Amino acid sequence: MKKPSSKIRDEIARLQEQLRQAETREAERIGRIALKAGLGDIEVEEAELQAAFEGLAKRFRGGQGASTGGKKANGDVGAGAPSAAVASGAAQGGNGEA
């Protein structure tokens, strides 16, 4: 039996709210880590910072980004993808901008 469109809309709205909450948690986590690392004190263009985060995400996904010779977190493939995008969003939020 098919769902009525109103139920589908309600489900979409519920899922969008869950997504917003998850992105907020991820942004706060990345923001705290960035501040602990001292990124809040560095004046850097947003595009340059985003490119650096993308390289870091690629490295942890097992890509060919810059490597420091450490172990790669192959088990965190799914967790790494949103973090890069959210990290750049966290920098926009004001905590990371100088």
PDB file of N, CA and C in Angstrom:
ATOM      1  N   MET A   1       0.833  -1.182   0.000  1.00  0.00           N
ATOM      2  CA  MET A   1       0.000   0.000   0.000  1.00  0.00           C
ATOM      3  C   MET A   1       0.880   1.248   0.000  1.00  0.00           C
ATOM      4  N   LYS A   2       0.549   2.204  -0.810  1.00  0.00           N
ATOM      5  CA  LYS A   2       1.338   3.422  -0.920  1.00  0.00           C
ATOM      6  C   LYS A   2       1.021   4.376   0.226  1.00  0.00           C
ATOM      7  N   LYS A   3       2.040   5.160   0.606  1.00  0.00           N
ATOM      8  CA  LYS A   3       1.841   6.175   1.633  1.00  0.00           C
ATOM      9  C   LYS A   3       1.223   7.412   0.991  1.00  0.00           C
ATOM     10  N   PRO A   4       0.346   8.077   1.722  1.00  0.00           N
ATOM     11  CA  PRO A   4      -0.172   9.344   1.198  1.00  0.00           C
ATOM     12  C   PRO A   4       0.935  10.406   1.221  1.00  0.00           C
ATOM     13  N   SER A   5       0.826  11.371   0.343  1.00  0.00           N
ATOM     14  CA  SER A   5       1.871  12.394   0.218  1.00  0.00           C
ATOM     15  C   SER A   5       2.072  13.171   1.515  1.00  0.00           C
ATOM     16  N   SER A   6       1.027  13.367   2.291  1.00  0.00           N
ATOM     17  CA  SER A   6       1.170  14.107   3.551  1.00  0.00           C
ATOM     18  C   SER A   6       2.074  13.361   4.524  1.00  0.00           C
ATOM     19  N   LYS A   7       1.971  12.038   4.566  1.00  0.00           N
ATOM     20  CA  LYS A   7       2.840  11.251   5.452  1.00  0.00           C
ATOM     21  C   LYS A   7       4.284  11.292   4.970  1.00  0.00           C
ATOM     22  N   ILE A   8       4.476  11.277   3.668  1.00  0.00           N
ATOM     23  CA  ILE A   8       5.834  11.366   3.111  1.00  0.00           C
ATOM     24  C   ILE A   8       6.437  12.725   3.447  1.00  0.00           C
ATOM     25  N   ARG A   9       5.642  13.793   3.310  1.00  0.00           N
ATOM     26  CA  ARG A   9       6.129  15.137   3.667  1.00  0.00           C
ATOM     27  C   ARG A   9       6.499  15.214   5.139  1.00  0.00           C
ATOM     28  N   ASP A  10       5.680  14.629   5.997  1.00  0.00           N
ATOM     29  CA  ASP A  10       5.977  14.615   7.434  1.00  0.00           C
ATOM     30  C   ASP A  10       7.272  13.870   7.712  1.00  0.00           C
ATOM     31  N   GLU A  11       7.462  12.752   7.040  1.00  0.00           N
ATOM     32  CA  GLU A  11       8.678  11.971   7.223  1.00  0.00           C
ATOM     33  C   GLU A  11       9.902  12.744   6.738  1.00  0.00           C
ATOM     34  N   ILE A  12       9.771  13.419   5.603  1.00  0.00           N
ATOM     35  CA  ILE A  12      10.868  14.235   5.076  1.00  0.00           C
ATOM     36  C   ILE A  12      11.221  15.344   6.062  1.00  0.00           C
ATOM     37  N   ALA A  13      10.209  16.008   6.609  1.00  0.00           N
ATOM     38  CA  ALA A  13      10.446  17.080   7.584  1.00  0.00           C
ATOM     39  C   ALA A  13      11.159  16.541   8.820  1.00  0.00           C
ATOM     40  N   ARG A  14      10.732  15.371   9.276  1.00  0.00           N
ATOM     41  CA  ARG A  14      11.364  14.751  10.452  1.00  0.00           C
ATOM     42  C   ARG A  14      12.823  14.411  10.158  1.00  0.00           C
ATOM     43  N   LEU A  15      13.074  13.851   8.982  1.00  0.00           N
ATOM     44  CA  LEU A  15      14.444  13.494   8.609  1.00  0.00           C
ATOM     45  C   LEU A  15      15.314  14.731   8.417  1.00  0.00           C
ATOM     46  N   GLN A  16      14.745  15.807   7.864  1.00  0.00           N
ATOM     47  CA  GLN A  16      15.509  17.041   7.711  1.00  0.00           C
ATOM     48  C   GLN A  16      15.909  17.610   9.065  1.00  0.00           C
ATOM     49  N   GLU A  17      15.038  17.521  10.039  1.00  0.00           N
ATOM     50  CA  GLU A  17      15.351  17.982  11.392  1.00  0.00           C
ATOM     51  C   GLU A  17      16.451  17.114  12.009  1.00  0.00           C
ATOM     52  N   GLN A  18      16.367  15.810  11.811  1.00  0.00           N
ATOM     53  CA  GLN A  18      17.425  14.921  12.310  1.00  0.00           C
ATOM     54  C   GLN A  18      18.757  15.254  11.657  1.00  0.00           C
ATOM     55  N   LEU A  19      18.736  15.529  10.356  1.00  0.00           N
ATOM     56  CA  LEU A  19      19.955  15.898   9.637  1.00  0.00           C
ATOM     57  C   LEU A  19      20.530  17.197  10.184  1.00  0.00           C
ATOM     58  N   ARG A  20      19.672  18.187  10.410  1.00  0.00           N
ATOM     59  CA  ARG A  20      20.126  19.467  10.951  1.00  0.00           C
ATOM     60  C   ARG A  20      20.785  19.275  12.321  1.00  0.00           C
ATOM     61  N   GLN A  21      20.181  18.454  13.161  1.00  0.00           N
ATOM     62  CA  GLN A  21      20.737  18.199  14.490  1.00  0.00           C
ATOM     63  C   GLN A  21      22.072  17.464  14.399  1.00  0.00           C
ATOM     64  N   ALA A  22      22.168  16.488  13.502  1.00  0.00           N
ATOM     65  CA  ALA A  22      23.421  15.743  13.336  1.00  0.00           C
ATOM     66  C   ALA A  22      24.521  16.656  12.809  1.00  0.00           C
ATOM     67  N   GLU A  23      24.189  17.518  11.844  1.00  0.00           N
ATOM     68  CA  GLU A  23      25.187  18.455  11.306  1.00  0.00           C
ATOM     69  C   GLU A  23      25.653  19.434  12.369  1.00  0.00           C
ATOM     70  N   THR A  24      24.734  19.875  13.236  1.00  0.00           N
ATOM     71  CA  THR A  24      25.094  20.786  14.322  1.00  0.00           C
ATOM     72  C   THR A  24      26.061  20.111  15.288  1.00  0.00           C
ATOM     73  N   ARG A  25      25.757  18.855  15.658  1.00  0.00           N
ATOM     74  CA  ARG A  25      26.660  18.111  16.565  1.00  0.00           C
ATOM     75  C   ARG A  25      28.043  17.956  15.936  1.00  0.00           C
ATOM     76  N   GLU A  26      28.060  17.590  14.635  1.00  0.00           N
ATOM     77  CA  GLU A  26      29.341  17.397  13.947  1.00  0.00           C
ATOM     78  C   GLU A  26      30.117  18.716  13.848  1.00  0.00           C
ATOM     79  N   ALA A  27      29.419  19.795  13.552  1.00  0.00           N
ATOM     80  CA  ALA A  27      30.074  21.103  13.437  1.00  0.00           C
ATOM     81  C   ALA A  27      30.660  21.533  14.781  1.00  0.00           C
ATOM     82  N   GLU A  28      29.915  21.305  15.851  1.00  0.00           N
ATOM     83  CA  GLU A  28      30.417  21.658  17.179  1.00  0.00           C
ATOM     84  C   GLU A  28      31.640  20.833  17.536  1.00  0.00           C
ATOM     85  N   ARG A  29      31.612  19.547  17.212  1.00  0.00           N
ATOM     86  CA  ARG A  29      32.748  18.664  17.502  1.00  0.00           C
ATOM     87  C   ARG A  29      33.988  19.115  16.734  1.00  0.00           C
ATOM     88  N   ILE A  30      33.830  19.332  15.434  1.00  0.00           N
ATOM     89  CA  ILE A  30      34.962  19.761  14.610  1.00  0.00           C
ATOM     90  C   ILE A  30      35.444  21.136  15.056  1.00  0.00           C
ATOM     91  N   GLY A  31      34.512  22.018  15.379  1.00  0.00           N
ATOM     92  CA  GLY A  31      34.880  23.355  15.842  1.00  0.00           C
ATOM     93  C   GLY A  31      35.702  23.309  17.119  1.00  0.00           C
ATOM     94  N   ARG A  32      35.286  22.469  18.075  1.00  0.00           N
ATOM     95  CA  ARG A  32      36.052  22.344  19.329  1.00  0.00           C
ATOM     96  C   ARG A  32      37.460  21.831  19.057  1.00  0.00           C
ATOM     97  N   ILE A  33      37.557  20.832  18.181  1.00  0.00           N
ATOM     98  CA  ILE A  33      38.865  20.263  17.851  1.00  0.00           C
ATOM     99  C   ILE A  33      39.736  21.314  17.165  1.00  0.00           C
ATOM    100  N   ALA A  34      39.144  22.066  16.226  1.00  0.00           N
ATOM    101  CA  ALA A  34      39.893  23.110  15.508  1.00  0.00           C
ATOM    102  C   ALA A  34      40.390  24.178  16.476  1.00  0.00           C
ATOM    103  N   LEU A  35      39.554  24.577  17.424  1.00  0.00           N
ATOM    104  CA  LEU A  35      39.971  25.585  18.398  1.00  0.00           C
ATOM    105  C   LEU A  35      41.087  25.063  19.297  1.00  0.00           C
ATOM    106  N   LYS A  36      40.979  23.804  19.725  1.00  0.00           N
ATOM    107  CA  LYS A  36      42.040  23.211  20.542  1.00  0.00           C
ATOM    108  C   LYS A  36      43.362  23.164  19.791  1.00  0.00           C
ATOM    109  N   ALA A  37      43.270  22.965  18.471  1.00  0.00           N
ATOM    110  CA  ALA A  37      44.475  22.908  17.638  1.00  0.00           C
ATOM    111  C   ALA A  37      45.023  24.302  17.335  1.00  0.00           C
ATOM    112  N   GLY A  38      44.302  25.350  17.725  1.00  0.00           N
ATOM    113  CA  GLY A  38      44.788  26.709  17.521  1.00  0.00           C
ATOM    114  C   GLY A  38      44.333  27.364  16.235  1.00  0.00           C
ATOM    115  N   LEU A  39      43.369  26.780  15.515  1.00  0.00           N
ATOM    116  CA  LEU A  39      42.918  27.367  14.256  1.00  0.00           C
ATOM    117  C   LEU A  39      42.151  28.667  14.454  1.00  0.00           C
ATOM    118  N   GLY A  40      41.634  28.897  15.627  1.00  0.00           N
ATOM    119  CA  GLY A  40      40.900  30.127  15.889  1.00  0.00           C
ATOM    120  C   GLY A  40      41.785  31.353  15.889  1.00  0.00           C
ATOM    121  N   ASP A  41      43.077  31.161  16.081  1.00  0.00           N
ATOM    122  CA  ASP A  41      44.019  32.274  16.161  1.00  0.00           C
ATOM    123  C   ASP A  41      44.700  32.578  14.834  1.00  0.00           C
ATOM    124  N   ILE A  42      44.420  31.785  13.821  1.00  0.00           N
ATOM    125  CA  ILE A  42      45.110  31.928  12.535  1.00  0.00           C
ATOM    126  C   ILE A  42      44.218  32.673  11.560  1.00  0.00           C
ATOM    127  N   GLU A  43      44.782  33.715  10.924  1.00  0.00           N
ATOM    128  CA  GLU A  43      44.043  34.415   9.876  1.00  0.00           C
ATOM    129  C   GLU A  43      44.319  33.708   8.561  1.00  0.00           C
ATOM    130  N   VAL A  44      43.284  33.080   8.019  1.00  0.00           N
ATOM    131  CA  VAL A  44      43.415  32.329   6.780  1.00  0.00           C
ATOM    132  C   VAL A  44      42.113  32.467   5.995  1.00  0.00           C
ATOM    133  N   GLU A  45      42.237  32.537   4.689  1.00  0.00           N
ATOM    134  CA  GLU A  45      41.049  32.620   3.842  1.00  0.00           C
ATOM    135  C   GLU A  45      40.215  31.352   3.998  1.00  0.00           C
ATOM    136  N   GLU A  46      38.900  31.511   3.940  1.00  0.00           N
ATOM    137  CA  GLU A  46      38.000  30.369   4.114  1.00  0.00           C
ATOM    138  C   GLU A  46      38.242  29.288   3.066  1.00  0.00           C
ATOM    139  N   ALA A  47      38.479  29.692   1.814  1.00  0.00           N
ATOM    140  CA  ALA A  47      38.700  28.712   0.744  1.00  0.00           C
ATOM    141  C   ALA A  47      39.965  27.894   1.010  1.00  0.00           C
ATOM    142  N   GLU A  48      40.993  28.551   1.512  1.00  0.00           N
ATOM    143  CA  GLU A  48      42.244  27.845   1.818  1.00  0.00           C
ATOM    144  C   GLU A  48      42.044  26.863   2.976  1.00  0.00           C
ATOM    145  N   LEU A  49      41.296  27.298   3.980  1.00  0.00           N
ATOM    146  CA  LEU A  49      41.018  26.424   5.117  1.00  0.00           C
ATOM    147  C   LEU A  49      40.168  25.236   4.688  1.00  0.00           C
ATOM    148  N   GLN A  50      39.170  25.489   3.840  1.00  0.00           N
ATOM    149  CA  GLN A  50      38.328  24.397   3.357  1.00  0.00           C
ATOM    150  C   GLN A  50      39.150  23.399   2.558  1.00  0.00           C
ATOM    151  N   ALA A  51      40.067  23.890   1.711  1.00  0.00           N
ATOM    152  CA  ALA A  51      40.918  22.991   0.930  1.00  0.00           C
ATOM    153  C   ALA A  51      41.780  22.129   1.858  1.00  0.00           C
ATOM    154  N   ALA A  52      42.274  22.725   2.933  1.00  0.00           N
ATOM    155  CA  ALA A  52      43.083  21.970   3.894  1.00  0.00           C
ATOM    156  C   ALA A  52      42.242  20.889   4.576  1.00  0.00           C
ATOM    157  N   PHE A  53      41.014  21.232   4.950  1.00  0.00           N
ATOM    158  CA  PHE A  53      40.130  20.244   5.567  1.00  0.00           C
ATOM    159  C   PHE A  53      39.792  19.127   4.581  1.00  0.00           C
ATOM    160  N   GLU A  54      39.579  19.472   3.323  1.00  0.00           N
ATOM    161  CA  GLU A  54      39.282  18.451   2.314  1.00  0.00           C
ATOM    162  C   GLU A  54      40.466  17.498   2.144  1.00  0.00           C
ATOM    163  N   GLY A  55      41.681  18.032   2.158  1.00  0.00           N
ATOM    164  CA  GLY A  55      42.867  17.180   2.081  1.00  0.00           C
ATOM    165  C   GLY A  55      42.973  16.260   3.282  1.00  0.00           C
ATOM    166  N   LEU A  56      42.645  16.796   4.454  1.00  0.00           N
ATOM    167  CA  LEU A  56      42.669  15.992   5.670  1.00  0.00           C
ATOM    168  C   LEU A  56      41.620  14.883   5.616  1.00  0.00           C
ATOM    169  N   ALA A  57      40.429  15.229   5.143  1.00  0.00           N
ATOM    170  CA  ALA A  57      39.365  14.225   5.024  1.00  0.00           C
ATOM    171  C   ALA A  57      39.776  13.137   4.039  1.00  0.00           C
ATOM    172  N   LYS A  58      40.383  13.523   2.939  1.00  0.00           N
ATOM    173  CA  LYS A  58      40.830  12.556   1.935  1.00  0.00           C
ATOM    174  C   LYS A  58      41.874  11.619   2.536  1.00  0.00           C
ATOM    175  N   ARG A  59      42.777  12.184   3.312  1.00  0.00           N
ATOM    176  CA  ARG A  59      43.817  11.368   3.958  1.00  0.00           C
ATOM    177  C   ARG A  59      43.199  10.321   4.876  1.00  0.00           C
ATOM    178  N   PHE A  60      42.220  10.716   5.679  1.00  0.00           N
ATOM    179  CA  PHE A  60      41.608   9.778   6.615  1.00  0.00           C
ATOM    180  C   PHE A  60      40.656   8.807   5.944  1.00  0.00           C
ATOM    181  N   ARG A  61      40.199   9.116   4.741  1.00  0.00           N
ATOM    182  CA  ARG A  61      39.379   8.172   3.991  1.00  0.00           C
ATOM    183  C   ARG A  61      40.255   7.157   3.259  1.00  0.00           C
ATOM    184  N   GLY A  62      41.562   7.317   3.312  1.00  0.00           N
ATOM    185  CA  GLY A  62      42.454   6.390   2.647  1.00  0.00           C
ATOM    186  C   GLY A  62      42.830   6.851   1.255  1.00  0.00           C
ATOM    187  N   GLY A  63      42.569   8.115   0.935  1.00  0.00           N
ATOM    188  CA  GLY A  63      42.919   8.668  -0.371  1.00  0.00           C
ATOM    189  C   GLY A  63      44.396   8.980  -0.442  1.00  0.00           C
ATOM    190  N   GLN A  64      44.752   9.796  -1.405  1.00  0.00           N
ATOM    191  CA  GLN A  64      46.158  10.100  -1.616  1.00  0.00           C
ATOM    192  C   GLN A  64      46.520  11.504  -1.165  1.00  0.00           C
ATOM    193  N   GLY A  65      45.842  12.020  -0.147  1.00  0.00           N
ATOM    194  CA  GLY A  65      46.160  13.327   0.394  1.00  0.00           C
ATOM    195  C   GLY A  65      47.495  13.280   1.109  1.00  0.00           C
ATOM    196  N   ALA A  66      47.911  14.418   1.637  1.00  0.00           N
ATOM    197  CA  ALA A  66      49.183  14.504   2.348  1.00  0.00           C
ATOM    198  C   ALA A  66      49.201  13.508   3.494  1.00  0.00           C
ATOM    199  N   SER A  67      50.322  12.870   3.685  1.00  0.00           N
ATOM    200  CA  SER A  67      50.441  11.863   4.725  1.00  0.00           C
ATOM    201  C   SER A  67      51.563  12.224   5.670  1.00  0.00           C
ATOM    202  N   THR A  68      51.353  11.936   6.948  1.00  0.00           N
ATOM    203  CA  THR A  68      52.398  12.173   7.938  1.00  0.00           C
ATOM    204  C   THR A  68      53.057  10.869   8.336  1.00  0.00           C
ATOM    205  N   GLY A  69      52.703   9.791   7.633  1.00  0.00           N
ATOM    206  CA  GLY A  69      53.302   8.497   7.930  1.00  0.00           C
ATOM    207  C   GLY A  69      52.550   7.724   8.987  1.00  0.00           C
ATOM    208  N   GLY A  70      51.463   8.290   9.513  1.00  0.00           N
ATOM    209  CA  GLY A  70      50.686   7.599  10.539  1.00  0.00           C
ATOM    210  C   GLY A  70      49.718   6.612   9.915  1.00  0.00           C
ATOM    211  N   LYS A  71      48.997   5.906  10.781  1.00  0.00           N
ATOM    212  CA  LYS A  71      48.005   4.947  10.304  1.00  0.00           C
ATOM    213  C   LYS A  71      46.825   5.693   9.706  1.00  0.00           C
ATOM    214  N   LYS A  72      46.194   5.066   8.724  1.00  0.00           N
ATOM    215  CA  LYS A  72      44.980   5.632   8.129  1.00  0.00           C
ATOM    216  C   LYS A  72      43.776   5.022   8.816  1.00  0.00           C
ATOM    217  N   ALA A  73      42.778   5.855   9.044  1.00  0.00           N
ATOM    218  CA  ALA A  73      41.561   5.396   9.723  1.00  0.00           C
ATOM    219  C   ALA A  73      40.594   4.812   8.704  1.00  0.00           C
ATOM    220  N   ASN A  74      40.875   3.615   8.222  1.00  0.00           N
ATOM    221  CA  ASN A  74      40.030   2.999   7.205  1.00  0.00           C
ATOM    222  C   ASN A  74      38.643   2.672   7.718  1.00  0.00           C
ATOM    223  N   GLY A  75      38.478   2.495   9.007  1.00  0.00           N
ATOM    224  CA  GLY A  75      37.182   2.172   9.551  1.00  0.00           C
ATOM    225  C   GLY A  75      36.234   3.360   9.607  1.00  0.00           C
ATOM    226  N   ASP A  76      36.725   4.568   9.415  1.00  0.00           N
ATOM    227  CA  ASP A  76      35.906   5.769   9.535  1.00  0.00           C
ATOM    228  C   ASP A  76      35.540   6.353   8.188  1.00  0.00           C
ATOM    229  N   VAL A  77      35.342   5.533   7.183  1.00  0.00           N
ATOM    230  CA  VAL A  77      35.044   6.038   5.846  1.00  0.00           C
ATOM    231  C   VAL A  77      33.785   6.876   5.855  1.00  0.00           C
ATOM    232  N   GLY A  78      32.709   6.375   6.433  1.00  0.00           N
ATOM    233  CA  GLY A  78      31.455   7.120   6.436  1.00  0.00           C
ATOM    234  C   GLY A  78      31.509   8.352   7.322  1.00  0.00           C
ATOM    235  N   ALA A  79      32.231   8.278   8.419  1.00  0.00           N
ATOM    236  CA  ALA A  79      32.272   9.397   9.348  1.00  0.00           C
ATOM    237  C   ALA A  79      33.124  10.542   8.822  1.00  0.00           C
ATOM    238  N   GLY A  80      34.075  10.264   7.960  1.00  0.00           N
ATOM    239  CA  GLY A  80      34.965  11.316   7.481  1.00  0.00           C
ATOM    240  C   GLY A  80      34.327  12.230   6.474  1.00  0.00           C
ATOM    241  N   ALA A  81      33.411  11.724   5.672  1.00  0.00           N
ATOM    242  CA  ALA A  81      32.839  12.526   4.596  1.00  0.00           C
ATOM    243  C   ALA A  81      32.089  13.746   5.101  1.00  0.00           C
ATOM    244  N   PRO A  82      31.152  13.616   6.038  1.00  0.00           N
ATOM    245  CA  PRO A  82      30.459  14.813   6.461  1.00  0.00           C
ATOM    246  C   PRO A  82      31.351  15.778   7.218  1.00  0.00           C
ATOM    247  N   SER A  83      32.357  15.267   7.894  1.00  0.00           N
ATOM    248  CA  SER A  83      33.189  16.114   8.710  1.00  0.00           C
ATOM    249  C   SER A  83      33.890  17.189   7.908  1.00  0.00           C
ATOM    250  N   ALA A  84      34.338  16.869   6.724  1.00  0.00           N
ATOM    251  CA  ALA A  84      35.032  17.871   5.920  1.00  0.00           C
ATOM    252  C   ALA A  84      34.096  18.995   5.542  1.00  0.00           C
ATOM    253  N   ALA A  85      32.917  18.657   5.126  1.00  0.00           N
ATOM    254  CA  ALA A  85      31.975  19.688   4.730  1.00  0.00           C
ATOM    255  C   ALA A  85      31.537  20.496   5.936  1.00  0.00           C
ATOM    256  N   VAL A  86      31.322  19.827   7.043  1.00  0.00           N
ATOM    257  CA  VAL A  86      30.886  20.518   8.235  1.00  0.00           C
ATOM    258  C   VAL A  86      32.003  21.351   8.804  1.00  0.00           C
ATOM    259  N   ALA A  87      33.207  20.879   8.683  1.00  0.00           N
ATOM    260  CA  ALA A  87      34.327  21.638   9.203  1.00  0.00           C
ATOM    261  C   ALA A  87      34.398  23.002   8.558  1.00  0.00           C
ATOM    262  N   SER A  88      34.200  23.067   7.268  1.00  0.00           N
ATOM    263  CA  SER A  88      34.229  24.369   6.633  1.00  0.00           C
ATOM    264  C   SER A  88      33.056  25.207   7.097  1.00  0.00           C
ATOM    265  N   GLY A  89      31.927  24.574   7.367  1.00  0.00           N
ATOM    266  CA  GLY A  89      30.778  25.299   7.897  1.00  0.00           C
ATOM    267  C   GLY A  89      31.055  25.810   9.299  1.00  0.00           C
ATOM    268  N   ALA A  90      31.787  25.039  10.091  1.00  0.00           N
ATOM    269  CA  ALA A  90      32.119  25.457  11.446  1.00  0.00           C
ATOM    270  C   ALA A  90      32.996  26.691  11.397  1.00  0.00           C
ATOM    271  N   ALA A  91      33.893  26.757  10.413  1.00  0.00           N
ATOM    272  CA  ALA A  91      34.750  27.929  10.294  1.00  0.00           C
ATOM    273  C   ALA A  91      33.918  29.154   9.947  1.00  0.00           C
ATOM    274  N   GLN A  92      32.829  28.977   9.228  1.00  0.00           N
ATOM    275  CA  GLN A  92      31.966  30.091   8.879  1.00  0.00           C
ATOM    276  C   GLN A  92      31.212  30.599  10.085  1.00  0.00           C
ATOM    277  N   GLY A  93      31.027  29.734  11.062  1.00  0.00           N
ATOM    278  CA  GLY A  93      30.208  30.081  12.209  1.00  0.00           C
ATOM    279  C   GLY A  93      30.778  31.153  13.103  1.00  0.00           C
ATOM    280  N   GLY A  94      32.001  31.543  12.930  1.00  0.00           N
ATOM    281  CA  GLY A  94      32.561  32.620  13.727  1.00  0.00           C
ATOM    282  C   GLY A  94      33.610  32.145  14.710  1.00  0.00           C
ATOM    283  N   ASN A  95      33.512  30.915  15.193  1.00  0.00           N
ATOM    284  CA  ASN A  95      34.495  30.425  16.146  1.00  0.00           C
ATOM    285  C   ASN A  95      35.867  30.300  15.523  1.00  0.00           C
ATOM    286  N   GLY A  96      35.938  29.936  14.258  1.00  0.00           N
ATOM    287  CA  GLY A  96      37.228  29.723  13.621  1.00  0.00           C
ATOM    288  C   GLY A  96      37.732  30.930  12.855  1.00  0.00           C
ATOM    289  N   GLU A  97      36.904  31.958  12.677  1.00  0.00           N
ATOM    290  CA  GLU A  97      37.352  33.112  11.898  1.00  0.00           C
ATOM    291  C   GLU A  97      38.083  34.084  12.792  1.00  0.00           C
ATOM    292  N   ALA A  98      39.130  34.677  12.257  1.00  0.00           N
ATOM    293  CA  ALA A  98      39.897  35.640  13.037  1.00  0.00           C
ATOM    294  C   ALA A  98      39.545  37.043  12.633  1.00  0.00           C
TER     295      ALA A  98
END
